[in-house]
C-alpha atoms as a PDB file:
ATOM      1  CA  UNK A   1     108.415 100.905  79.349  1.00  0.00           C
ATOM      2  CA  UNK A   2     106.143 101.397  82.354  1.00  0.00           C
ATOM      3  CA  UNK A   3     104.888 104.432  84.265  1.00  0.00           C
ATOM      4  CA  UNK A   4     104.137 104.550  87.989  1.00  0.00           C
ATOM      5  CA  UNK A   5     101.503 107.266  88.230  1.00  0.00           C
ATOM      6  CA  UNK A   6     101.461 107.334  92.052  1.00  0.00           C
ATOM      7  CA  UNK A   7     104.463 106.719  94.294  1.00  0.00           C
ATOM      8  CA  UNK A   8     105.468 108.370  97.567  1.00  0.00           C
ATOM      9  CA  UNK A   9     109.211 108.178  96.944  1.00  0.00           C
ATOM     10  CA  UNK A  10     109.804 110.764  99.665  1.00  0.00           C
ATOM     11  CA  UNK A  11     108.210 108.593 102.370  1.00  0.00           C
ATOM     12  CA  UNK A  12     110.397 107.974 105.420  1.00  0.00           C
ATOM     13  CA  UNK A  13     110.314 104.291 104.458  1.00  0.00           C
ATOM     14  CA  UNK A  14     111.764 105.027 101.018  1.00  0.00           C
ATOM     15  CA  UNK A  15     113.667 108.312 100.868  1.00  0.00           C
ATOM     16  CA  UNK A  16     116.813 106.955 102.526  1.00  0.00           C
ATOM     17  CA  UNK A  17     117.058 104.168  99.952  1.00  0.00           C
ATOM     18  CA  UNK A  18     118.454 105.963  96.916  1.00  0.00           C
ATOM     19  CA  UNK A  19     118.656 102.714  94.964  1.00  0.00           C
ATOM     20  CA  UNK A  20     114.849 102.535  94.806  1.00  0.00           C
ATOM     21  CA  UNK A  21     114.776 104.768  91.721  1.00  0.00           C
ATOM     22  CA  UNK A  22     117.584 102.818  90.087  1.00  0.00           C
ATOM     23  CA  UNK A  23     115.699  99.560  90.663  1.00  0.00           C
ATOM     24  CA  UNK A  24     112.565 101.035  89.134  1.00  0.00           C
ATOM     25  CA  UNK A  25     114.413 102.195  86.023  1.00  0.00           C
ATOM     26  CA  UNK A  26     116.108  98.784  85.717  1.00  0.00           C
ATOM     27  CA  UNK A  27     112.624  97.199  85.831  1.00  0.00           C
ATOM     28  CA  UNK A  28     111.511  99.439  82.965  1.00  0.00           C
ATOM     29  CA  UNK A  29     109.577 101.896  85.127  1.00  0.00           C
ATOM     30  CA  UNK A  30     111.059 105.105  83.748  1.00  0.00           C
ATOM     31  CA  UNK A  31     108.473 107.689  84.824  1.00  0.00           C
ATOM     32  CA  UNK A  32     107.491 108.033  88.475  1.00  0.00           C
ATOM     33  CA  UNK A  33     104.860 110.578  89.494  1.00  0.00           C
ATOM     34  CA  UNK A  34     104.937 111.761  93.108  1.00  0.00           C
ATOM     35  CA  UNK A  35     101.782 113.092  94.824  1.00  0.00           C
ATOM     36  CA  UNK A  36     102.266 115.587  97.623  1.00  0.00           C
ATOM     37  CA  UNK A  37     100.584 115.248 101.045  1.00  0.00           C
ATOM     38  CA  UNK A  38     101.090 118.545 102.889  1.00  0.00           C
ATOM     39  CA  UNK A  39     103.657 121.264 103.610  1.00  0.00           C
ATOM     40  CA  UNK A  40     105.945 118.791 105.406  1.00  0.00           C
ATOM     41  CA  UNK A  41     106.393 116.520 102.393  1.00  0.00           C
ATOM     42  CA  UNK A  42     107.331 119.166  99.821  1.00  0.00           C
ATOM     43  CA  UNK A  43     111.055 119.331 100.603  1.00  0.00           C
ATOM     44  CA  UNK A  44     111.637 115.588 100.336  1.00  0.00           C
ATOM     45  CA  UNK A  45     109.593 115.331  97.166  1.00  0.00           C
ATOM     46  CA  UNK A  46     111.444 118.169  95.446  1.00  0.00           C
ATOM     47  CA  UNK A  47     114.793 116.774  96.605  1.00  0.00           C
ATOM     48  CA  UNK A  48     114.076 113.599  94.651  1.00  0.00           C
ATOM     49  CA  UNK A  49     112.589 115.488  91.691  1.00  0.00           C
ATOM     50  CA  UNK A  50     115.697 117.661  91.436  1.00  0.00           C
ATOM     51  CA  UNK A  51     118.035 114.656  91.611  1.00  0.00           C
ATOM     52  CA  UNK A  52     116.086 112.625  89.009  1.00  0.00           C
ATOM     53  CA  UNK A  53     114.464 115.281  86.789  1.00  0.00           C
ATOM     54  CA  UNK A  54     113.968 112.944  83.825  1.00  0.00           C
ATOM     55  CA  UNK A  55     112.289 110.253  85.890  1.00  0.00           C
ATOM     56  CA  UNK A  56     110.660 111.636  89.069  1.00  0.00           C
ATOM     57  CA  UNK A  57     107.806 114.084  88.537  1.00  0.00           C
ATOM     58  CA  UNK A  58     106.293 116.098  91.407  1.00  0.00           C
ATOM     59  CA  UNK A  59     102.670 117.019  91.976  1.00  0.00           C
ATOM     60  CA  UNK A  60     101.341 119.636  94.373  1.00  0.00           C
ATOM     61  CA  UNK A  61      98.294 119.312  96.605  1.00  0.00           C
ATOM     62  CA  UNK A  62      96.853 118.834 100.068  1.00  0.00           C
ATOM     63  CA  UNK A  63      95.891 115.238 100.883  1.00  0.00           C
ATOM     64  CA  UNK A  64      92.437 114.929 102.495  1.00  0.00           C
ATOM     65  CA  UNK A  65      93.871 113.036 105.492  1.00  0.00           C
ATOM     66  CA  UNK A  66      95.972 116.131 106.195  1.00  0.00           C
ATOM     67  CA  UNK A  67      93.007 118.498 106.234  1.00  0.00           C
ATOM     68  CA  UNK A  68      92.572 119.764 109.790  1.00  0.00           C
ATOM     69  CA  UNK A  69      92.034 123.007 111.694  1.00  0.00           C
ATOM     70  CA  UNK A  70      95.011 124.505 109.833  1.00  0.00           C
ATOM     71  CA  UNK A  71      93.809 123.529 106.363  1.00  0.00           C
ATOM     72  CA  UNK A  72      93.611 127.122 105.104  1.00  0.00           C
ATOM     73  CA  UNK A  73      97.286 127.644 105.931  1.00  0.00           C
ATOM     74  CA  UNK A  74      98.108 124.406 104.133  1.00  0.00           C
ATOM     75  CA  UNK A  75      96.102 125.491 101.102  1.00  0.00           C
ATOM     76  CA  UNK A  76      98.073 128.730 101.065  1.00  0.00           C
ATOM     77  CA  UNK A  77     101.254 126.661 100.789  1.00  0.00           C
ATOM     78  CA  UNK A  78      99.797 124.745  97.846  1.00  0.00           C
ATOM     79  CA  UNK A  79      98.746 127.958  96.115  1.00  0.00           C
ATOM     80  CA  UNK A  80     102.193 129.483  96.641  1.00  0.00           C
ATOM     81  CA  UNK A  81     104.004 126.486  95.161  1.00  0.00           C
ATOM     82  CA  UNK A  82     101.690 126.207  92.166  1.00  0.00           C
ATOM     83  CA  UNK A  83     102.434 129.843  91.359  1.00  0.00           C
ATOM     84  CA  UNK A  84     106.214 129.547  91.461  1.00  0.00           C
ATOM     85  CA  UNK A  85     107.291 126.312  89.766  1.00  0.00           C
ATOM     86  CA  UNK A  86     106.211 123.551  87.401  1.00  0.00           C
ATOM     87  CA  UNK A  87     104.214 120.601  88.693  1.00  0.00           C
ATOM     88  CA  UNK A  88     102.706 117.784  86.675  1.00  0.00           C
ATOM     89  CA  UNK A  89      99.362 117.562  88.474  1.00  0.00           C
ATOM     90  CA  UNK A  90      97.379 118.820  91.431  1.00  0.00           C
ATOM     91  CA  UNK A  91      97.414 115.915  93.828  1.00  0.00           C
ATOM     92  CA  UNK A  92      96.888 114.055  95.922  1.00  0.00           C
ATOM     93  CA  UNK A  93      93.524 115.670  96.611  1.00  0.00           C
ATOM     94  CA  UNK A  94      90.039 114.392  97.333  1.00  0.00           C
ATOM     95  CA  UNK A  95      88.038 112.944 100.205  1.00  0.00           C
ATOM     96  CA  UNK A  96      88.693 110.295 102.848  1.00  0.00           C
ATOM     97  CA  UNK A  97      85.755 109.041 104.927  1.00  0.00           C
ATOM     98  CA  UNK A  98      87.574 106.070 106.435  1.00  0.00           C
ATOM     99  CA  UNK A  99      89.436 107.454 109.430  1.00  0.00           C
ATOM    100  CA  UNK A 100      87.608 110.545 110.639  1.00  0.00           C
ATOM    101  CA  UNK A 101      84.707 112.705 109.486  1.00  0.00           C
ATOM    102  CA  UNK A 102      85.498 115.616 111.818  1.00  0.00           C
ATOM    103  CA  UNK A 103      86.699 117.761 108.917  1.00  0.00           C
ATOM    104  CA  UNK A 104      84.402 116.410 106.192  1.00  0.00           C
ATOM    105  CA  UNK A 105      83.132 119.841 105.117  1.00  0.00           C
ATOM    106  CA  UNK A 106      86.680 121.206 105.134  1.00  0.00           C
ATOM    107  CA  UNK A 107      87.824 118.272 102.998  1.00  0.00           C
ATOM    108  CA  UNK A 108      85.125 119.078 100.462  1.00  0.00           C
ATOM    109  CA  UNK A 109      86.085 122.751 100.428  1.00  0.00           C
ATOM    110  CA  UNK A 110      89.781 121.916 100.003  1.00  0.00           C
ATOM    111  CA  UNK A 111      88.985 119.449  97.215  1.00  0.00           C
ATOM    112  CA  UNK A 112      86.864 121.913  95.264  1.00  0.00           C
ATOM    113  CA  UNK A 113      89.360 124.733  95.747  1.00  0.00           C
ATOM    114  CA  UNK A 114      92.222 122.633  94.430  1.00  0.00           C
ATOM    115  CA  UNK A 115      90.189 121.502  91.422  1.00  0.00           C
ATOM    116  CA  UNK A 116      89.716 125.195  90.613  1.00  0.00           C
ATOM    117  CA  UNK A 117      93.478 125.713  90.793  1.00  0.00           C
ATOM    118  CA  UNK A 118      94.039 122.728  88.507  1.00  0.00           C
ATOM    119  CA  UNK A 119      91.748 124.327  85.965  1.00  0.00           C
ATOM    120  CA  UNK A 120      93.528 127.663  86.373  1.00  0.00           C
ATOM    121  CA  UNK A 121      96.920 126.075  85.657  1.00  0.00           C
ATOM    122  CA  UNK A 122      95.546 123.561  83.144  1.00  0.00           C
ATOM    123  CA  UNK A 123      96.778 120.603  85.180  1.00  0.00           C
ATOM    124  CA  UNK A 124      95.262 117.156  85.724  1.00  0.00           C
ATOM    125  CA  UNK A 125      94.119 116.109  89.191  1.00  0.00           C
ATOM    126  CA  UNK A 126      94.941 112.932  91.110  1.00  0.00           C
ATOM    127  CA  UNK A 127      92.079 111.958  93.401  1.00  0.00           C
ATOM    128  CA  UNK A 128      92.097 110.113  96.721  1.00  0.00           C
ATOM    129  CA  UNK A 129      88.594 108.695  97.213  1.00  0.00           C
ATOM    130  CA  UNK A 130      88.688 106.254 100.113  1.00  0.00           C
ATOM    131  CA  UNK A 131      85.109 105.284 101.024  1.00  0.00           C
ATOM    132  CA  UNK A 132      84.030 108.468  99.233  1.00  0.00           C
ATOM    133  CA  UNK A 133      84.043 107.547  95.541  1.00  0.00           C
ATOM    134  CA  UNK A 134      80.440 108.583  94.909  1.00  0.00           C
ATOM    135  CA  UNK A 135      80.944 112.040  96.453  1.00  0.00           C
ATOM    136  CA  UNK A 136      84.208 112.546  94.542  1.00  0.00           C
ATOM    137  CA  UNK A 137      82.463 111.636  91.287  1.00  0.00           C
ATOM    138  CA  UNK A 138      79.691 114.143  91.970  1.00  0.00           C
ATOM    139  CA  UNK A 139      82.156 116.933  92.714  1.00  0.00           C
ATOM    140  CA  UNK A 140      84.146 116.173  89.559  1.00  0.00           C
ATOM    141  CA  UNK A 141      80.938 116.090  87.547  1.00  0.00           C
ATOM    142  CA  UNK A 142      79.976 119.501  88.934  1.00  0.00           C
ATOM    143  CA  UNK A 143      83.404 120.924  88.096  1.00  0.00           C
ATOM    144  CA  UNK A 144      83.840 119.256  84.709  1.00  0.00           C
ATOM    145  CA  UNK A 145      84.185 121.954  82.060  1.00  0.00           C
ATOM    146  CA  UNK A 146      85.286 119.671  79.245  1.00  0.00           C
ATOM    147  CA  UNK A 147      88.995 120.127  80.008  1.00  0.00           C
ATOM    148  CA  UNK A 148      89.307 118.645  83.499  1.00  0.00           C
ATOM    149  CA  UNK A 149      90.992 115.247  83.571  1.00  0.00           C
ATOM    150  CA  UNK A 150      93.009 113.034  85.859  1.00  0.00           C
ATOM    151  CA  UNK A 151      93.089 109.809  87.838  1.00  0.00           C
ATOM    152  CA  UNK A 152      90.956 108.204  90.523  1.00  0.00           C
ATOM    153  CA  UNK A 153      93.946 106.881  92.418  1.00  0.00           C
ATOM    154  CA  UNK A 154      93.732 103.414  94.008  1.00  0.00           C
ATOM    155  CA  UNK A 155      90.271 102.878  92.540  1.00  0.00           C
ATOM    156  CA  UNK A 156      88.130 100.841  94.931  1.00  0.00           C
ATOM    157  CA  UNK A 157      84.595 101.452  93.693  1.00  0.00           C
ATOM    158  CA  UNK A 158      82.120  99.282  91.813  1.00  0.00           C
ATOM    159  CA  UNK A 159      81.572  98.813  88.085  1.00  0.00           C
ATOM    160  CA  UNK A 160      78.914 101.533  87.918  1.00  0.00           C
ATOM    161  CA  UNK A 161      81.304 104.029  89.516  1.00  0.00           C
ATOM    162  CA  UNK A 162      84.093 102.914  87.184  1.00  0.00           C
ATOM    163  CA  UNK A 163      81.871 103.592  84.192  1.00  0.00           C
ATOM    164  CA  UNK A 164      80.917 107.024  85.546  1.00  0.00           C
ATOM    165  CA  UNK A 165      84.593 107.884  85.998  1.00  0.00           C
ATOM    166  CA  UNK A 166      85.355 106.860  82.419  1.00  0.00           C
ATOM    167  CA  UNK A 167      82.378 108.882  81.148  1.00  0.00           C
ATOM    168  CA  UNK A 168      83.820 111.936  82.928  1.00  0.00           C
ATOM    169  CA  UNK A 169      87.071 111.540  80.972  1.00  0.00           C
ATOM    170  CA  UNK A 170      89.043 110.244  83.953  1.00  0.00           C
ATOM    171  CA  UNK A 171      91.226 107.171  84.418  1.00  0.00           C
ATOM    172  CA  UNK A 172      91.299 104.363  86.974  1.00  0.00           C
ATOM    173  CA  UNK A 173      94.545 104.053  88.931  1.00  0.00           C
ATOM    174  CA  UNK A 174      95.197 100.334  89.488  1.00  0.00           C
ATOM    175  CA  UNK A 175      97.820  99.108  91.936  1.00  0.00           C
ATOM    176  CA  UNK A 176      98.844  96.095  93.966  1.00  0.00           C
ATOM    177  CA  UNK A 177      95.350  95.419  95.296  1.00  0.00           C
ATOM    178  CA  UNK A 178      94.425  93.894  91.930  1.00  0.00           C
ATOM    179  CA  UNK A 179      96.766  90.975  92.745  1.00  0.00           C
ATOM    180  CA  UNK A 180      95.046  90.119  96.051  1.00  0.00           C
ATOM    181  CA  UNK A 181      92.821  87.026  96.181  1.00  0.00           C
ATOM    182  CA  UNK A 182      89.944  88.904  97.832  1.00  0.00           C
ATOM    183  CA  UNK A 183      90.026  91.843  95.403  1.00  0.00           C
ATOM    184  CA  UNK A 184      86.974  92.618  93.270  1.00  0.00           C
ATOM    185  CA  UNK A 185      89.087  94.640  90.824  1.00  0.00           C
ATOM    186  CA  UNK A 186      89.633  91.787  88.333  1.00  0.00           C
ATOM    187  CA  UNK A 187      85.913  91.630  87.576  1.00  0.00           C
ATOM    188  CA  UNK A 188      85.806  95.386  87.006  1.00  0.00           C
ATOM    189  CA  UNK A 189      88.949  95.417  84.857  1.00  0.00           C
ATOM    190  CA  UNK A 190      87.410  92.767  82.613  1.00  0.00           C
ATOM    191  CA  UNK A 191      84.710  95.298  81.730  1.00  0.00           C
ATOM    192  CA  UNK A 192      86.894  98.428  81.393  1.00  0.00           C
ATOM    193  CA  UNK A 193      89.111  99.049  78.380  1.00  0.00           C
ATOM    194  CA  UNK A 194      92.861  99.387  78.927  1.00  0.00           C
ATOM    195  CA  UNK A 195      92.501 102.836  77.362  1.00  0.00           C
ATOM    196  CA  UNK A 196      90.994 103.991  80.676  1.00  0.00           C
ATOM    197  CA  UNK A 197      93.539 102.452  83.075  1.00  0.00           C
ATOM    198  CA  UNK A 198      96.900 103.587  84.455  1.00  0.00           C
ATOM    199  CA  UNK A 199      99.333 101.737  86.699  1.00  0.00           C
ATOM    200  CA  UNK A 200     100.438 102.827  90.165  1.00  0.00           C
ATOM    201  CA  UNK A 201     102.095 101.428  93.280  1.00  0.00           C
ATOM    202  CA  UNK A 202     101.176 103.908  96.042  1.00  0.00           C
ATOM    203  CA  UNK A 203     104.597 102.935  97.410  1.00  0.00           C
ATOM    204  CA  UNK A 204     105.500 102.243 100.149  1.00  0.00           C
ATOM    205  CA  UNK A 205     101.963 100.937 100.689  1.00  0.00           C
ATOM    206  CA  UNK A 206      99.901  98.103  99.125  1.00  0.00           C
ATOM    207  CA  UNK A 207     102.677  95.975  97.680  1.00  0.00           C
ATOM    208  CA  UNK A 208     101.499  93.453  95.066  1.00  0.00           C
ATOM    209  CA  UNK A 209     101.773  89.705  95.380  1.00  0.00           C
ATOM    210  CA  UNK A 210     104.404  88.217  95.868  1.00  0.00           C
ATOM    211  CA  UNK A 211     105.501  91.111  98.101  1.00  0.00           C
ATOM    212  CA  UNK A 212     102.197  91.685  99.898  1.00  0.00           C
ATOM    213  CA  UNK A 213     102.778  92.808 103.484  1.00  0.00           C
ATOM    214  CA  UNK A 214     106.249  94.125 102.681  1.00  0.00           C
ATOM    215  CA  UNK A 215     107.435  97.580 101.676  1.00  0.00           C
ATOM    216  CA  UNK A 216     106.182  98.498  98.232  1.00  0.00           C
ATOM    217  CA  UNK A 217     108.289 100.249  95.615  1.00  0.00           C
ATOM    218  CA  UNK A 218     107.992 101.401  92.017  1.00  0.00           C
ATOM    219  CA  UNK A 219     110.076  98.503  90.712  1.00  0.00           C
ATOM    220  CA  UNK A 220     107.062  96.258  91.383  1.00  0.00           C
ATOM    221  CA  UNK A 221     104.895  97.853  88.676  1.00  0.00           C
ATOM    222  CA  UNK A 222     105.518  94.921  86.276  1.00  0.00           C
ATOM    223  CA  UNK A 223     103.793  92.543  88.728  1.00  0.00           C
ATOM    224  CA  UNK A 224     100.681  94.710  88.616  1.00  0.00           C
ATOM    225  CA  UNK A 225     100.891  94.964  84.837  1.00  0.00           C
ATOM    226  CA  UNK A 226     101.232  91.186  84.466  1.00  0.00           C
ATOM    227  CA  UNK A 227      98.113  90.602  86.567  1.00  0.00           C
ATOM    228  CA  UNK A 228      96.171  93.013  84.357  1.00  0.00           C
ATOM    229  CA  UNK A 229      97.528  91.270  81.252  1.00  0.00           C
ATOM    230  CA  UNK A 230      96.298  87.951  82.636  1.00  0.00           C
ATOM    231  CA  UNK A 231      92.852  89.415  83.345  1.00  0.00           C
ATOM    232  CA  UNK A 232      92.578  91.021  79.906  1.00  0.00           C
ATOM    233  CA  UNK A 233      94.104  88.017  78.105  1.00  0.00           C
ATOM    234  CA  UNK A 234      96.674  90.220  76.399  1.00  0.00           C
ATOM    235  CA  UNK A 235     100.449  90.614  76.486  1.00  0.00           C
ATOM    236  CA  UNK A 236     102.500  92.426  79.092  1.00  0.00           C
ATOM    237  CA  UNK A 237     103.829  94.666  76.326  1.00  0.00           C
ATOM    238  CA  UNK A 238     100.299  95.732  75.444  1.00  0.00           C
ATOM    239  CA  UNK A 239      99.574  96.703  79.044  1.00  0.00           C
ATOM    240  CA  UNK A 240     102.866  98.596  79.300  1.00  0.00           C
ATOM    241  CA  UNK A 241     102.361 100.438  76.010  1.00  0.00           C
ATOM    242  CA  UNK A 242      98.715 101.416  76.499  1.00  0.00           C
ATOM    243  CA  UNK A 243      98.928 102.432  80.161  1.00  0.00           C
ATOM    244  CA  UNK A 244     102.074 104.461  79.548  1.00  0.00           C
ATOM    245  CA  UNK A 245     100.391 106.230  76.616  1.00  0.00           C
ATOM    246  CA  UNK A 246      97.447 106.967  78.916  1.00  0.00           C
ATOM    247  CA  UNK A 247      99.771 108.463  81.506  1.00  0.00           C
ATOM    248  CA  UNK A 248     101.466 110.603  78.863  1.00  0.00           C
ATOM    249  CA  UNK A 249      98.053 111.835  77.752  1.00  0.00           C
ATOM    250  CA  UNK A 250      97.074 112.742  81.312  1.00  0.00           C
ATOM    251  CA  UNK A 251     100.282 114.471  82.372  1.00  0.00           C
ATOM    252  CA  UNK A 252     101.053 115.953  78.937  1.00  0.00           C
END
């Protein structure tokens, strides 16, 4: 059994294909965790969660790429939802320095605020850290009270950063990028125990080989798991069992 710890099932590229969840389950991917982006993605996410309550698990958060001049209003939406129903994590939250730094300070404020809410509700956090891994680590370190945990989604840092994340009690989210020829992730994964890794697709983005360049979906998790098994010189079953246990530990 596999777990996809990060899949945007509600994406316009995926939500109209209701067989996507069935294909995932048929491939052994029985738990699918959905990060939220902003107020506009909540309805689609909850629609899927309500239809597949045993398989599709919603998170609540404001994605850093959606932090703009209206970020306080968006944070109010997050706060309201966290207060009125069950979510499995606060996410996807964090920092993104790739596209635009106009709202860098607002991103940091939103990130720290949502970490505080995660601690209030005793929820894990799922972190977006594109070109900002070092800053995200420092903020987590500052906020770590011994109970904060979660995932550095789509980990793209170096081995030193990976070790710092593990030392903070967090996990590395590994997706399709690990299967790419130019990826540096295999060298890092060689040095990091499976006990600190979870699987993800980030569907519909970053499809693994042999589907690179095409629409990604949760059913492709076994391709990612097999690549990790090859790197670690272990069985696919071991990767499935350990990473799923890790996910269960995170999301409780």
